[in-house]
Protein backbone atom coordinates (compact mmCIF):
# COMPACT_ATOMS: atom_id res chain seq x y z
CA MET A 1 -7.53 148.90 -52.41
CA THR A 2 -4.72 146.98 -50.67
CA PRO A 3 -3.83 143.85 -52.69
CA LEU A 4 -4.67 140.56 -51.03
CA TYR A 5 -2.25 137.65 -50.88
CA SER A 6 -2.50 134.27 -49.39
CA ARG A 7 -0.10 133.13 -46.63
CA LEU A 8 0.31 129.65 -45.26
CA CYS A 9 -0.59 129.77 -41.56
CA GLY A 10 -0.69 126.13 -40.50
CA THR A 11 0.41 122.59 -41.57
CA GLY A 12 -0.75 119.12 -40.60
CA SER A 13 -0.17 115.55 -41.73
CA TYR A 14 -1.07 111.89 -41.00
CA LEU A 15 0.51 108.57 -41.69
CA PRO A 16 -1.16 105.25 -40.98
CA GLU A 17 0.10 103.10 -38.17
CA ARG A 18 1.33 100.15 -40.25
CA VAL A 19 4.78 100.40 -41.63
CA LEU A 20 5.78 98.21 -44.55
CA GLY A 21 9.57 97.88 -44.82
CA ASN A 22 11.54 96.84 -47.81
CA ASP A 23 12.50 93.40 -46.27
CA GLU A 24 8.84 92.49 -46.06
CA ILE A 25 8.19 93.43 -49.66
CA SER A 26 11.19 91.28 -50.67
CA GLN A 27 9.45 88.28 -49.25
CA ARG A 28 6.75 88.62 -51.92
CA VAL A 29 8.63 89.87 -54.97
CA ASP A 30 12.14 89.40 -56.20
CA THR A 31 13.90 92.49 -54.74
CA SER A 32 15.84 93.52 -51.75
CA ASP A 33 16.30 96.42 -49.35
CA GLU A 34 19.72 97.32 -50.95
CA TRP A 35 18.18 97.32 -54.42
CA ILE A 36 15.26 99.48 -53.39
CA VAL A 37 17.23 102.02 -51.41
CA ALA A 38 19.90 102.43 -54.12
CA ARG A 39 17.36 103.13 -56.92
CA THR A 40 14.69 105.03 -54.92
CA GLY A 41 15.97 106.08 -51.54
CA ILE A 42 12.79 104.42 -50.02
CA ARG A 43 13.25 102.32 -46.91
CA SER A 44 9.67 101.94 -45.84
CA ARG A 45 6.17 103.21 -46.56
CA HIS A 46 2.90 103.43 -44.45
CA ILE A 47 -0.09 101.39 -45.42
CA ALA A 48 -3.66 102.25 -44.42
CA ALA A 49 -5.82 99.69 -42.59
CA ALA A 50 -8.51 97.94 -44.66
CA ASP A 51 -11.14 99.97 -42.82
CA GLU A 52 -9.27 103.29 -42.94
CA GLY A 53 -10.39 105.52 -45.80
CA VAL A 54 -9.07 108.59 -47.56
CA VAL A 55 -11.57 110.74 -45.52
CA ASP A 56 -10.34 109.31 -42.30
CA MET A 57 -6.72 110.21 -43.09
CA ALA A 58 -7.65 113.67 -44.49
CA THR A 59 -9.58 114.48 -41.37
CA VAL A 60 -6.69 113.98 -39.01
CA ALA A 61 -4.28 115.99 -41.20
CA ALA A 62 -6.81 118.81 -41.54
CA GLN A 63 -7.51 118.96 -37.84
CA ARG A 64 -3.86 119.15 -37.16
CA ALA A 65 -3.38 121.92 -39.72
CA LEU A 66 -6.27 123.89 -38.30
CA GLU A 67 -4.90 123.50 -34.76
CA ALA A 68 -1.48 124.80 -36.02
CA ALA A 69 -3.20 127.82 -37.61
CA GLY A 70 -5.26 128.56 -34.54
CA LEU A 71 -8.35 128.50 -36.63
CA ALA A 72 -11.84 126.80 -36.09
CA ALA A 73 -13.22 124.66 -38.92
CA ASP A 74 -16.27 126.96 -39.16
CA ALA A 75 -14.05 129.79 -40.17
CA LEU A 76 -13.17 128.03 -43.43
CA ASP A 77 -14.96 129.23 -46.59
CA LEU A 78 -13.04 126.91 -49.08
CA ILE A 79 -11.94 123.27 -48.96
CA VAL A 80 -9.94 121.87 -51.77
CA VAL A 81 -8.81 118.12 -51.68
CA ALA A 82 -6.34 116.67 -54.10
CA THR A 83 -6.64 112.94 -54.35
CA THR A 84 -6.41 110.16 -56.96
CA THR A 85 -7.93 107.58 -54.76
CA PRO A 86 -11.27 108.76 -53.26
CA ASP A 87 -13.28 106.47 -51.08
CA GLN A 88 -16.31 106.84 -53.46
CA ILE A 89 -17.14 108.35 -56.80
CA PHE A 90 -19.33 111.00 -55.19
CA PRO A 91 -19.93 112.92 -52.98
CA SER A 92 -16.47 114.46 -53.17
CA THR A 93 -13.83 113.80 -50.58
CA ALA A 94 -14.00 117.44 -49.78
CA CYS A 95 -17.65 117.41 -49.01
CA LEU A 96 -17.15 114.38 -46.72
CA LEU A 97 -14.34 116.04 -45.09
CA GLN A 98 -16.24 119.22 -44.54
CA SER A 99 -19.00 117.20 -42.68
CA ARG A 100 -16.36 115.43 -40.50
CA LEU A 101 -14.88 118.82 -39.56
CA GLY A 102 -18.24 120.37 -38.71
CA ASN A 103 -18.04 123.12 -41.31
CA ARG A 104 -21.20 124.19 -43.16
CA GLY A 105 -21.48 126.35 -46.29
CA ALA A 106 -17.83 126.54 -47.45
CA ALA A 107 -17.18 125.69 -51.11
CA ALA A 108 -15.70 122.19 -51.24
CA PHE A 109 -14.51 120.23 -54.17
CA ASP A 110 -11.86 117.62 -55.24
CA LEU A 111 -9.08 118.18 -57.70
CA GLN A 112 -7.31 115.46 -59.61
CA ALA A 113 -3.74 115.95 -60.95
CA VAL A 114 -2.17 112.80 -59.41
CA CYS A 115 1.29 113.53 -57.81
CA THR A 116 1.01 117.26 -58.76
CA GLY A 117 -2.47 117.51 -57.18
CA PHE A 118 -1.42 119.37 -54.05
CA ILE A 119 0.44 122.06 -56.01
CA TYR A 120 -2.61 122.47 -58.34
CA ALA A 121 -4.97 122.64 -55.27
CA LEU A 122 -2.65 125.10 -53.59
CA ALA A 123 -2.62 127.36 -56.74
CA THR A 124 -6.37 127.11 -57.00
CA ALA A 125 -6.94 128.17 -53.28
CA ASP A 126 -4.38 130.93 -53.69
CA ARG A 127 -6.32 132.42 -56.68
CA PHE A 128 -9.63 132.22 -54.68
CA ILE A 129 -8.01 134.24 -51.95
CA ARG A 130 -6.40 136.80 -54.24
CA SER A 131 -9.70 137.40 -56.02
CA GLN A 132 -11.49 137.76 -52.59
CA GLY A 133 -13.51 134.62 -53.20
CA ALA A 134 -12.24 133.18 -49.84
CA ARG A 135 -10.49 134.37 -46.74
CA HIS A 136 -9.51 131.03 -45.15
CA ALA A 137 -8.85 127.92 -47.20
CA LEU A 138 -8.03 124.32 -46.29
CA VAL A 139 -5.90 122.43 -48.86
CA VAL A 140 -5.45 118.74 -48.41
CA GLY A 141 -3.43 116.10 -50.31
CA VAL A 142 -4.51 112.52 -49.44
CA GLU A 143 -4.03 109.17 -50.98
CA LYS A 144 -4.59 105.50 -50.35
CA MET A 145 -2.21 104.35 -53.05
CA SER A 146 -2.08 100.82 -51.67
CA ARG A 147 -5.46 100.28 -53.07
CA ILE A 148 -4.33 100.62 -56.71
CA VAL A 149 -0.83 99.09 -56.47
CA ASP A 150 -0.13 95.77 -58.05
CA TRP A 151 1.66 94.05 -55.19
CA ASP A 152 3.12 91.44 -57.48
CA ASP A 153 4.68 94.20 -59.78
CA ARG A 154 8.13 94.79 -58.20
CA SER A 155 8.74 97.86 -60.38
CA THR A 156 5.88 99.81 -58.86
CA CYS A 157 4.88 98.15 -55.46
CA ILE A 158 8.07 99.33 -53.93
CA LEU A 159 7.32 102.99 -54.57
CA PHE A 160 4.03 103.91 -53.07
CA GLY A 161 2.37 104.46 -49.67
CA ASP A 162 -0.61 106.05 -47.97
CA GLY A 163 -1.18 109.21 -46.00
CA ALA A 164 -2.42 112.79 -45.84
CA GLY A 165 -1.01 116.27 -45.60
CA ALA A 166 -2.78 119.59 -45.10
CA VAL A 167 -2.20 123.35 -45.07
CA VAL A 168 -4.37 126.34 -44.10
CA LEU A 169 -4.21 129.48 -46.13
CA SER A 170 -5.44 132.81 -44.99
CA ALA A 171 -5.72 136.17 -46.64
CA SER A 172 -2.96 138.62 -45.84
CA SER A 173 -1.68 142.02 -46.90
CA LYS A 174 1.85 140.55 -47.03
CA PRO A 175 2.84 138.17 -49.87
CA GLY A 176 3.10 134.54 -48.69
CA ILE A 177 2.64 132.65 -51.85
CA LEU A 178 4.62 134.61 -54.40
CA SER A 179 3.73 132.59 -57.61
CA THR A 180 2.41 129.27 -58.73
CA HIS A 181 3.21 127.57 -62.13
CA LEU A 182 1.14 124.73 -63.57
CA HIS A 183 1.63 122.55 -66.66
CA ALA A 184 0.26 119.32 -68.24
CA ASP A 185 0.88 117.31 -71.41
CA GLY A 186 -1.58 114.58 -71.98
CA ARG A 187 0.39 113.00 -74.89
CA TYR A 188 2.25 110.97 -72.28
CA ALA A 189 -0.77 109.51 -70.57
CA ASP A 190 0.13 105.91 -71.35
CA LEU A 191 3.50 106.09 -69.45
CA LEU A 192 1.84 106.38 -66.02
CA GLN A 193 -1.77 105.47 -65.62
CA VAL A 194 -4.55 103.32 -64.21
CA PRO A 195 -6.08 101.87 -67.44
CA ALA A 196 -9.86 101.97 -67.72
CA ALA A 197 -10.05 98.22 -67.89
CA ALA A 198 -7.87 97.68 -64.95
CA ASP A 199 -7.81 98.67 -61.17
CA THR A 200 -4.03 98.93 -60.75
CA LEU A 201 -1.48 101.43 -61.91
CA THR A 202 1.11 100.79 -64.66
CA MET A 203 4.22 102.80 -65.26
CA GLN A 204 7.07 102.94 -67.71
CA GLY A 205 9.68 103.90 -65.07
CA ASN A 206 12.57 104.90 -67.18
CA ALA A 207 10.57 107.17 -69.33
CA VAL A 208 8.83 108.80 -66.46
CA PHE A 209 12.17 109.34 -64.74
CA ARG A 210 13.69 111.22 -67.67
CA MET A 211 10.52 113.33 -68.23
CA ALA A 212 10.36 114.22 -64.50
CA VAL A 213 14.06 115.27 -64.35
CA ARG A 214 13.62 117.48 -67.49
CA THR A 215 10.31 119.21 -66.66
CA LEU A 216 11.13 119.79 -62.99
CA GLY A 217 14.42 121.37 -64.08
CA GLU A 218 12.53 123.59 -66.52
CA ILE A 219 9.89 124.70 -63.98
CA VAL A 220 12.60 125.55 -61.44
CA GLN A 221 14.04 128.00 -63.96
CA GLU A 222 10.53 129.40 -64.92
CA THR A 223 9.73 130.07 -61.24
CA LEU A 224 13.02 131.80 -60.59
CA ALA A 225 12.63 133.92 -63.77
CA ALA A 226 8.99 134.93 -62.85
CA ASN A 227 10.26 136.27 -59.54
CA GLY A 228 13.51 137.71 -60.56
CA LEU A 229 15.53 135.38 -58.40
CA GLU A 230 18.54 133.12 -58.83
CA GLY A 231 19.08 129.51 -57.39
CA LYS A 232 21.06 131.00 -54.47
CA ASP A 233 17.96 132.98 -53.38
CA ILE A 234 16.00 129.70 -52.60
CA ASP A 235 16.46 128.69 -49.00
CA TRP A 236 14.53 125.39 -49.09
CA LEU A 237 13.38 123.00 -51.73
CA VAL A 238 10.29 120.98 -50.83
CA PRO A 239 9.91 118.49 -53.63
CA HIS A 240 7.52 115.76 -54.48
CA GLN A 241 8.89 112.64 -52.65
CA ALA A 242 8.95 110.16 -55.51
CA ASN A 243 12.63 109.13 -55.93
CA ILE A 244 15.78 110.42 -54.17
CA ARG A 245 17.54 110.57 -57.60
CA ILE A 246 14.94 112.91 -59.03
CA ILE A 247 15.11 115.09 -55.98
CA GLN A 248 18.94 115.25 -56.18
CA ALA A 249 18.75 116.17 -59.87
CA THR A 250 16.36 119.09 -59.12
CA ALA A 251 18.55 120.27 -56.25
CA GLU A 252 21.54 120.24 -58.53
CA LYS A 253 19.80 122.40 -61.06
CA LEU A 254 19.15 124.88 -58.31
CA GLY A 255 22.79 124.67 -57.01
CA LEU A 256 21.16 123.81 -53.64
CA PRO A 257 22.98 121.50 -51.11
CA MET A 258 20.91 118.53 -49.95
CA GLU A 259 20.99 119.98 -46.48
CA ARG A 260 18.51 122.48 -47.75
CA VAL A 261 16.18 120.00 -49.33
CA VAL A 262 13.27 118.45 -47.39
CA THR A 263 13.49 114.72 -47.90
CA THR A 264 10.97 112.37 -46.40
CA VAL A 265 10.85 109.80 -49.07
CA ALA A 266 12.91 107.25 -47.09
CA HIS A 267 10.14 106.68 -44.63
CA HIS A 268 6.93 107.18 -46.56
CA GLY A 269 7.75 106.61 -50.20
CA ASN A 270 5.67 108.16 -52.86
CA VAL A 271 2.24 109.21 -51.43
CA SER A 272 1.18 110.95 -54.74
CA ALA A 273 -0.82 114.26 -53.90
CA ALA A 274 0.09 113.91 -50.23
CA SER A 275 3.90 113.84 -50.70
CA VAL A 276 4.58 117.59 -50.70
CA PRO A 277 2.35 118.54 -47.80
CA LEU A 278 3.72 115.58 -45.73
CA ALA A 279 7.22 116.85 -46.37
CA LEU A 280 6.27 120.47 -45.66
CA ASP A 281 4.63 119.50 -42.33
CA ASP A 282 7.59 117.42 -41.36
CA ALA A 283 9.94 120.34 -41.90
CA ALA A 284 7.65 122.91 -40.35
CA ARG A 285 7.26 120.92 -37.09
CA ARG A 286 11.00 120.46 -36.87
CA GLN A 287 11.18 124.28 -37.15
CA CYS A 288 13.48 124.24 -40.17
CA PHE A 289 12.04 127.35 -41.74
CA ARG A 290 12.68 130.86 -40.66
CA PRO A 291 10.49 133.95 -41.40
CA GLY A 292 11.41 135.58 -44.73
CA GLN A 293 12.92 132.44 -46.28
CA HIS A 294 11.92 131.34 -49.75
CA LEU A 295 10.44 127.83 -50.11
CA LEU A 296 10.18 126.28 -53.60
CA LEU A 297 7.59 123.49 -53.75
CA GLU A 298 7.40 121.29 -56.94
CA ALA A 299 5.95 118.11 -58.14
CA PHE A 300 5.53 115.88 -61.20
CA GLY A 301 2.89 113.23 -61.83
CA GLY A 302 0.70 111.28 -64.25
CA GLY A 303 -0.95 113.11 -66.95
CA PHE A 304 1.66 114.27 -67.25
CA THR A 305 1.25 117.09 -64.90
CA TRP A 306 3.85 119.24 -63.24
CA GLY A 307 3.84 122.37 -61.15
CA SER A 308 5.61 124.62 -58.68
CA ALA A 309 4.81 127.11 -55.96
CA LEU A 310 7.16 129.70 -54.48
CA LEU A 311 6.41 130.75 -50.90
CA ARG A 312 7.83 133.33 -48.43
CA TRP A 313 7.65 131.88 -44.95
CA LEU A 314 5.87 134.30 -42.70
């Protein structure tokens, strides 16, 4: 029997209309555009309207990914949505999205791994396809982080935004996703969380930064070793868009020039589970990638969770 692999055959994204710049934030908290840019690389972020939900954003991103893949929604047999900020406790965002798209019968569920959510969801869909549990899968990362941000906390309100990104995976005889690597360590839960008694996130920024740089460096090496590759064999790094300094540190570990790193953090900030697919779609639509190139996707988030996926662009 010919082995089955999953290949990425379409990307899509959505960012809300409202753009919140650093100068506007500095009118509310004691900060400045210069300070924010120097420490994070973020210049603006998109904020969803009050009546704009996670399902609304996910639907647009998903439709664009399906269009790029040339696939009808009713061909999907798996929908996985990564989100930390669902519109409601249940039904799942994935089931609500399925209804919006007009699909019936596909397996549909949500997955929660905060900023690493999309990588976890991508790995899950890849395993479904490799085990012949699905032929066409929709994977979405979507967040309305503005709903859980404390807009009076200058250490966190500058970081986050809203949006959605999506990809379509299809079964293929040629390897597209080469490997995925997932990890978590719940001992560090208190460093980045939304406490049960609160409705806004808290973060110990310096500790999170140090852990992110270390674990992402380690998972880069793990991914390379698993595939018998060296840093020079990676054509593009598509990282979680949390902080430009974390991105630069990971690129340095790979020996990769920043010209080969997809960076979109400046204009949408940290969109948690949506960050990686937003960056991926941005670069795909700018036609940055070439067939046969190796793309390394990686992310780190609350939990702590971290993960990577190595793709061959087909």
